[in-house]
N, C-alpha and C. Protein backbone atom coordinates (compact mmCIF):
# COMPACT_ATOMS: atom_id res chain seq x y z
N MET A 1 10.99 -9.18 13.68
CA MET A 1 10.08 -8.17 12.56
C MET A 1 10.20 -6.71 12.62
N GLU A 2 10.43 -6.38 11.38
CA GLU A 2 10.72 -4.81 11.32
C GLU A 2 9.19 -3.58 11.69
N GLU A 3 9.60 -2.69 12.52
CA GLU A 3 8.71 -2.21 12.64
C GLU A 3 8.03 -0.79 11.47
N GLU A 4 6.95 -0.58 10.81
CA GLU A 4 6.61 0.61 10.16
C GLU A 4 6.27 1.94 10.96
N LYS A 5 7.79 2.91 10.63
CA LYS A 5 7.25 4.19 11.58
C LYS A 5 5.51 5.04 11.28
N LEU A 6 4.87 5.28 11.06
CA LEU A 6 4.09 6.13 9.97
C LEU A 6 3.94 7.64 10.82
N GLU A 7 4.18 8.62 10.03
CA GLU A 7 4.40 9.82 9.73
C GLU A 7 3.25 10.55 9.52
N PRO A 8 3.03 11.68 10.40
CA PRO A 8 2.02 12.37 10.35
C PRO A 8 1.26 12.57 8.95
N GLU A 9 0.45 12.42 9.00
CA GLU A 9 -0.18 12.90 6.99
C GLU A 9 -0.29 14.64 6.94
N SER A 10 0.88 15.13 5.73
CA SER A 10 0.72 16.72 5.91
C SER A 10 -1.37 16.87 5.50
N SER A 11 -1.23 18.43 5.35
CA SER A 11 -2.77 18.63 4.56
C SER A 11 -1.36 19.33 2.90
N ASP A 12 -0.94 19.54 2.55
CA ASP A 12 -0.50 19.24 1.50
C ASP A 12 -0.33 17.97 0.73
N PRO A 13 -1.11 17.73 -0.54
CA PRO A 13 -1.38 16.93 -1.44
C PRO A 13 -0.34 16.16 -2.16
N LEU A 14 0.89 17.13 -2.72
CA LEU A 14 1.73 16.79 -3.28
C LEU A 14 2.85 16.21 -2.28
N ALA A 15 2.68 16.65 -0.74
CA ALA A 15 3.74 15.92 0.06
C ALA A 15 3.10 14.42 0.17
N GLN A 16 1.55 14.35 1.01
CA GLN A 16 1.06 13.01 1.07
C GLN A 16 2.03 12.01 -0.11
N LEU A 17 1.39 12.51 -1.07
CA LEU A 17 2.21 11.34 -2.63
C LEU A 17 3.31 11.46 -2.56
N GLY A 18 4.42 12.25 -1.73
CA GLY A 18 5.91 12.03 -1.44
C GLY A 18 6.76 12.58 -2.65
N GLY A 19 5.94 13.44 -3.76
CA GLY A 19 6.51 14.40 -4.56
C GLY A 19 6.09 15.54 -5.13
N SER A 20 6.36 15.95 -5.89
CA SER A 20 5.83 16.87 -6.50
C SER A 20 5.56 17.12 -7.71
N VAL A 21 4.40 18.18 -8.22
CA VAL A 21 4.09 18.13 -9.43
C VAL A 21 5.44 17.55 -10.27
N GLN A 22 6.63 19.07 -10.47
CA GLN A 22 7.49 18.60 -11.55
C GLN A 22 8.57 17.43 -11.29
N GLU A 23 8.29 16.76 -10.26
CA GLU A 23 8.62 15.45 -10.41
C GLU A 23 7.65 14.28 -11.42
N SER A 24 6.37 14.22 -10.99
CA SER A 24 5.17 13.55 -11.40
C SER A 24 5.16 13.61 -12.85
N CYS A 25 5.28 14.79 -13.39
CA CYS A 25 4.26 16.13 -14.31
C CYS A 25 5.37 15.68 -15.03
N ARG A 26 5.13 14.57 -16.09
CA ARG A 26 6.48 14.35 -17.41
C ARG A 26 5.80 14.83 -18.28
N THR A 27 7.48 14.86 -19.25
CA THR A 27 6.56 15.41 -21.08
C THR A 27 7.10 14.20 -21.81
N LYS A 28 6.69 13.90 -22.83
CA LYS A 28 6.56 12.86 -23.27
C LYS A 28 8.50 11.98 -23.52
N GLU A 29 8.85 13.25 -23.81
CA GLU A 29 10.74 12.83 -23.78
C GLU A 29 11.12 11.98 -22.74
N THR A 30 10.06 13.21 -21.28
CA THR A 30 11.30 12.34 -19.79
C THR A 30 10.88 11.20 -19.32
N ALA A 31 9.39 11.23 -19.89
CA ALA A 31 8.12 9.91 -18.91
C ALA A 31 8.51 8.35 -19.01
N ALA A 32 8.55 7.93 -17.73
CA ALA A 32 8.89 6.54 -17.79
C ALA A 32 7.54 6.19 -17.75
N PRO A 33 7.92 4.83 -18.81
CA PRO A 33 6.95 3.95 -19.79
C PRO A 33 5.70 3.35 -18.86
N ASN A 34 5.21 3.66 -17.27
CA ASN A 34 3.96 3.76 -16.54
C ASN A 34 4.27 5.23 -16.19
N ASP A 35 4.84 6.28 -16.11
CA ASP A 35 4.23 7.22 -15.86
C ASP A 35 3.38 8.16 -16.78
N PRO A 36 2.05 8.86 -15.83
CA PRO A 36 1.24 9.61 -16.79
C PRO A 36 1.76 10.80 -17.05
N VAL A 37 1.57 11.76 -18.74
CA VAL A 37 2.17 12.46 -19.54
C VAL A 37 0.66 13.46 -19.42
N PHE A 38 1.58 14.43 -18.79
CA PHE A 38 0.86 16.04 -18.74
C PHE A 38 1.41 17.05 -20.99
N GLN A 39 0.53 17.19 -21.75
CA GLN A 39 1.47 17.97 -22.65
C GLN A 39 1.36 19.63 -21.96
N GLY A 40 2.53 19.43 -21.84
CA GLY A 40 2.93 21.52 -22.11
C GLY A 40 3.38 21.12 -20.39
N PRO A 41 3.90 22.74 -19.95
CA PRO A 41 4.05 22.66 -18.41
C PRO A 41 2.94 22.71 -16.94
N SER A 42 3.39 22.17 -16.52
CA SER A 42 2.40 21.74 -15.42
C SER A 42 1.74 23.18 -14.67
N ALA A 43 2.44 24.42 -15.14
CA ALA A 43 1.78 25.37 -14.99
C ALA A 43 0.31 26.21 -16.12
N HIS A 44 0.23 24.93 -16.60
CA HIS A 44 -0.88 25.15 -17.65
C HIS A 44 -1.31 24.28 -17.38
N LEU A 45 -2.01 23.38 -16.15
CA LEU A 45 -3.03 22.20 -15.65
C LEU A 45 -3.72 23.10 -15.20
N THR A 46 -5.39 23.00 -15.34
CA THR A 46 -6.92 23.33 -14.87
C THR A 46 -6.71 22.10 -13.24
N ASP A 47 -7.49 23.18 -13.01
CA ASP A 47 -7.64 22.56 -11.36
C ASP A 47 -8.02 21.21 -11.31
N GLU A 48 -9.39 21.07 -12.08
CA GLU A 48 -9.40 19.81 -12.89
C GLU A 48 -8.72 18.66 -12.91
N ASP A 49 -7.61 18.93 -13.74
CA ASP A 49 -6.85 18.08 -14.43
C ASP A 49 -5.59 17.58 -13.39
N PHE A 50 -5.89 18.89 -11.99
CA PHE A 50 -4.36 18.71 -11.50
C PHE A 50 -5.32 17.55 -10.35
N GLN A 51 -6.49 17.91 -10.11
CA GLN A 51 -6.98 16.83 -9.21
C GLN A 51 -7.86 15.19 -9.62
N ALA A 52 -7.80 15.58 -10.76
CA ALA A 52 -6.99 13.71 -11.72
C ALA A 52 -6.37 13.72 -11.26
N PHE A 53 -5.21 14.38 -11.70
CA PHE A 53 -3.25 13.99 -11.57
C PHE A 53 -3.49 13.42 -10.33
N LEU A 54 -3.75 13.93 -9.26
CA LEU A 54 -3.96 13.60 -7.45
C LEU A 54 -4.48 12.68 -7.19
N HIS A 55 -5.51 12.61 -7.82
CA HIS A 55 -6.45 10.95 -7.53
C HIS A 55 -6.04 9.91 -8.17
N SER A 56 -5.56 9.99 -9.83
CA SER A 56 -4.69 9.01 -10.00
C SER A 56 -3.98 8.62 -9.33
N LYS A 57 -2.13 9.41 -8.92
CA LYS A 57 -1.22 8.94 -8.15
C LYS A 57 -1.95 7.91 -6.74
N LYS A 58 -2.84 8.75 -5.82
CA LYS A 58 -3.77 8.36 -4.47
C LYS A 58 -3.26 6.80 -5.10
N GLU A 59 -3.97 6.76 -6.06
CA GLU A 59 -5.02 5.35 -6.53
C GLU A 59 -3.96 4.40 -6.89
N GLN A 60 -2.52 4.90 -7.16
CA GLN A 60 -1.69 4.61 -8.10
C GLN A 60 -0.99 3.65 -6.44
N LYS A 61 -0.82 4.82 -5.17
CA LYS A 61 0.17 4.20 -4.06
C LYS A 61 -0.98 3.46 -3.12
N ARG A 62 -1.43 3.38 -3.81
CA ARG A 62 -3.02 2.40 -3.22
C ARG A 62 -2.59 0.86 -3.86
N ARG A 63 -3.12 0.84 -5.47
CA ARG A 63 -2.81 -0.07 -5.14
C ARG A 63 -1.00 -1.14 -5.05
N MET A 64 0.10 0.12 -5.30
CA MET A 64 1.24 -0.36 -4.61
C MET A 64 1.66 -0.87 -2.74
N GLN A 65 0.60 -0.22 -2.01
CA GLN A 65 0.20 -0.66 -1.25
C GLN A 65 -0.59 -2.18 -0.78
N ILE A 66 -1.15 -1.92 -1.61
CA ILE A 66 -2.13 -3.50 -0.98
C ILE A 66 -0.73 -4.66 -2.13
N LYS A 67 -0.26 -4.24 -3.01
CA LYS A 67 0.63 -5.17 -3.68
C LYS A 67 1.50 -5.36 -2.48
N GLU A 68 2.58 -4.93 -1.85
CA GLU A 68 3.60 -5.13 -1.44
C GLU A 68 3.23 -5.53 0.24
N CYS A 69 1.44 -5.48 0.34
CA CYS A 69 1.75 -6.34 1.74
C CYS A 69 0.79 -7.85 1.50
N CYS A 70 -0.53 -7.80 0.38
CA CYS A 70 -0.28 -9.24 -0.17
C CYS A 70 1.59 -10.08 -0.60
N SER A 71 2.14 -9.13 -0.77
CA SER A 71 3.59 -10.09 -1.01
C SER A 71 3.83 -10.74 0.21
N ARG A 72 3.98 -9.60 1.38
CA ARG A 72 4.18 -9.99 3.07
C ARG A 72 3.25 -10.98 3.55
N LEU A 73 1.82 -11.20 2.49
CA LEU A 73 1.13 -12.06 3.00
C LEU A 73 1.65 -13.53 2.89
N ARG A 74 2.15 -13.97 1.32
CA ARG A 74 2.59 -15.29 1.02
C ARG A 74 3.75 -15.18 1.29
N GLU A 75 4.92 -14.35 1.95
CA GLU A 75 5.76 -14.39 2.22
C GLU A 75 5.40 -15.84 3.85
N LEU A 76 4.35 -14.67 4.48
CA LEU A 76 3.90 -15.33 6.25
C LEU A 76 4.07 -16.60 6.55
N MET A 77 2.85 -17.13 5.04
CA MET A 77 2.39 -18.43 4.86
C MET A 77 3.28 -19.76 4.61
N PRO A 78 3.50 -20.59 5.80
CA PRO A 78 4.17 -21.13 5.66
C PRO A 78 4.03 -22.82 4.26
N PHE A 79 2.87 -22.35 3.70
CA PHE A 79 1.89 -23.95 2.82
C PHE A 79 2.04 -22.34 0.98
N VAL A 80 2.49 -21.17 1.17
CA VAL A 80 2.17 -20.73 -0.28
C VAL A 80 4.17 -20.68 -0.83
N ARG A 81 4.15 -21.33 -1.94
CA ARG A 81 5.18 -20.74 -2.65
C ARG A 81 5.00 -20.26 -3.16
N SER A 82 4.24 -20.43 -4.43
CA SER A 82 4.10 -19.69 -5.66
C SER A 82 3.77 -18.06 -5.33
N ARG A 83 3.57 -17.43 -6.46
CA ARG A 83 2.64 -16.27 -6.65
C ARG A 83 1.23 -16.38 -7.12
N MET A 84 0.13 -16.18 -5.86
CA MET A 84 -1.03 -16.02 -6.22
C MET A 84 -1.50 -14.68 -6.64
N ASP A 85 -2.75 -14.67 -7.18
CA ASP A 85 -3.33 -13.16 -7.12
C ASP A 85 -4.07 -13.04 -6.14
N THR A 86 -4.38 -11.62 -5.53
CA THR A 86 -4.84 -10.79 -4.48
C THR A 86 -5.83 -11.47 -3.82
N ALA A 87 -7.31 -12.11 -4.90
CA ALA A 87 -8.14 -12.40 -4.39
C ALA A 87 -7.67 -14.05 -3.41
N SER A 88 -6.70 -14.69 -3.74
CA SER A 88 -6.43 -15.99 -3.68
C SER A 88 -5.63 -15.82 -2.03
N THR A 89 -4.58 -14.87 -2.28
CA THR A 89 -3.62 -14.37 -0.88
C THR A 89 -4.48 -14.06 0.48
N LEU A 90 -5.59 -13.64 -0.52
CA LEU A 90 -6.67 -12.31 1.32
C LEU A 90 -7.06 -13.65 1.67
N GLU A 91 -7.41 -14.88 0.57
CA GLU A 91 -8.61 -16.14 1.28
C GLU A 91 -7.61 -17.22 1.76
N MET A 92 -6.51 -17.04 1.34
CA MET A 92 -5.41 -18.32 2.27
C MET A 92 -5.59 -17.80 3.46
N THR A 93 -4.71 -16.77 3.35
CA THR A 93 -4.25 -15.72 4.94
C THR A 93 -5.59 -16.24 5.99
N VAL A 94 -7.29 -16.04 4.74
CA VAL A 94 -8.20 -15.65 6.33
C VAL A 94 -8.47 -17.23 6.94
N LYS A 95 -8.24 -18.46 5.75
CA LYS A 95 -8.44 -19.57 6.04
C LYS A 95 -7.53 -20.35 7.44
N TYR A 96 -5.69 -19.57 7.15
CA TYR A 96 -4.89 -19.82 7.49
C TYR A 96 -5.03 -19.33 9.31
N MET A 97 -5.55 -17.84 9.56
CA MET A 97 -5.80 -17.33 10.24
C MET A 97 -6.71 -18.05 11.45
N THR A 98 -7.93 -18.33 10.84
CA THR A 98 -8.88 -18.93 11.63
C THR A 98 -8.43 -20.39 11.79
N TYR A 99 -7.52 -21.30 11.30
CA TYR A 99 -7.27 -22.22 11.53
C TYR A 99 -6.18 -22.06 12.77
N LEU A 100 -5.77 -21.06 12.81
CA LEU A 100 -4.64 -21.10 14.04
C LEU A 100 -5.64 -20.38 15.60
N ARG A 101 -6.76 -19.88 15.54
CA ARG A 101 -7.21 -19.66 16.25
C ARG A 101 -7.65 -20.10 17.31
N GLN A 102 -8.36 -21.36 15.97
CA GLN A 102 -8.55 -23.11 16.45
C GLN A 102 -8.32 -23.60 17.21
N TRP A 103 -6.16 -23.91 17.08
CA TRP A 103 -5.88 -24.79 17.97
C TRP A 103 -4.97 -24.48 18.87
N LEU A 104 -4.69 -23.13 18.17
CA LEU A 104 -3.32 -22.01 19.24
C LEU A 104 -4.55 -22.18 20.60
N PRO A 105 -3.41 -23.19 21.67
CA PRO A 105 -4.48 -22.25 23.65
C PRO A 105 -4.62 -20.95 23.25
N GLU A 106 -5.63 -20.81 24.26
CA GLU A 106 -6.20 -19.83 24.67
C GLU A 106 -5.23 -18.59 25.53
N ASP A 107 -4.36 -19.28 26.72
CA ASP A 107 -3.35 -17.84 26.52
C ASP A 107 -2.17 -17.77 25.37
N ILE A 108 -2.02 -18.62 24.49
CA ILE A 108 -0.88 -18.08 23.81
C ILE A 108 -1.91 -16.84 22.60
N LEU A 109 -3.07 -17.21 22.24
CA LEU A 109 -3.45 -16.43 21.73
C LEU A 109 -4.38 -14.95 21.78
N GLU A 110 -4.18 -15.04 23.61
CA GLU A 110 -4.47 -13.79 23.82
C GLU A 110 -3.33 -13.10 24.25
N LYS A 111 -1.78 -13.45 24.56
CA LYS A 111 -0.64 -12.86 23.96
C LYS A 111 -0.99 -12.43 22.19
N VAL A 112 -1.08 -13.29 21.91
CA VAL A 112 -0.80 -12.45 20.13
C VAL A 112 -1.66 -11.33 20.06
N ILE A 113 -2.91 -11.10 20.56
CA ILE A 113 -3.65 -10.66 20.28
C ILE A 113 -3.19 -9.46 21.17
N LYS A 114 -2.74 -9.85 22.18
CA LYS A 114 -2.39 -8.41 22.71
C LYS A 114 -1.15 -7.53 22.51
N GLY A 115 -0.07 -8.71 21.32
CA GLY A 115 1.01 -8.44 21.16
C GLY A 115 0.58 -7.07 19.98
N LEU A 116 -0.76 -8.23 18.55
CA LEU A 116 -0.99 -7.11 18.05
C LEU A 116 -1.64 -5.70 18.43
N GLU A 117 -2.64 -5.18 19.27
CA GLU A 117 -2.71 -4.30 19.55
C GLU A 117 -2.06 -3.69 19.93
N GLU A 118 -0.79 -3.71 20.54
CA GLU A 118 -0.09 -2.63 21.53
C GLU A 118 1.04 -2.18 19.65
N THR A 119 1.03 -3.04 18.58
CA THR A 119 1.99 -2.56 17.95
C THR A 119 0.85 -2.22 17.04
N ARG A 120 -0.24 -2.09 16.89
CA ARG A 120 -1.39 -1.31 16.40
C ARG A 120 -1.13 0.14 16.89
N THR A 121 -1.07 -0.01 18.11
CA THR A 121 -1.35 1.85 18.85
C THR A 121 -0.42 2.10 19.30
N GLY A 122 0.71 1.47 19.24
CA GLY A 122 2.21 2.17 19.57
C GLY A 122 3.25 2.14 18.41
């Protein structure tokens, strides 16, 4: 299983988003179809507009993370073969985990829980 490396969060809001205003604030001519577009150069953004932009980018990143995690959950579920919506994916995962907890021998379940705790803290 591949481990994700967590990096300490920077106090710089742009660094947290993985980019810069110059990369993210595009004009109509340079924007990708789903990119936010600001009229004029980024130097003319008000603080309120900039905060709204940061909030939008953070929310976009959060939604992408949820989407990727649900996709990975679907891959791990042995009986799921097609794409499901997020709520159904989470519901099926809870049911499957409940099933495993009921049927796994106690000693194996303890090893799994210990391994998960070590992964989370280490």
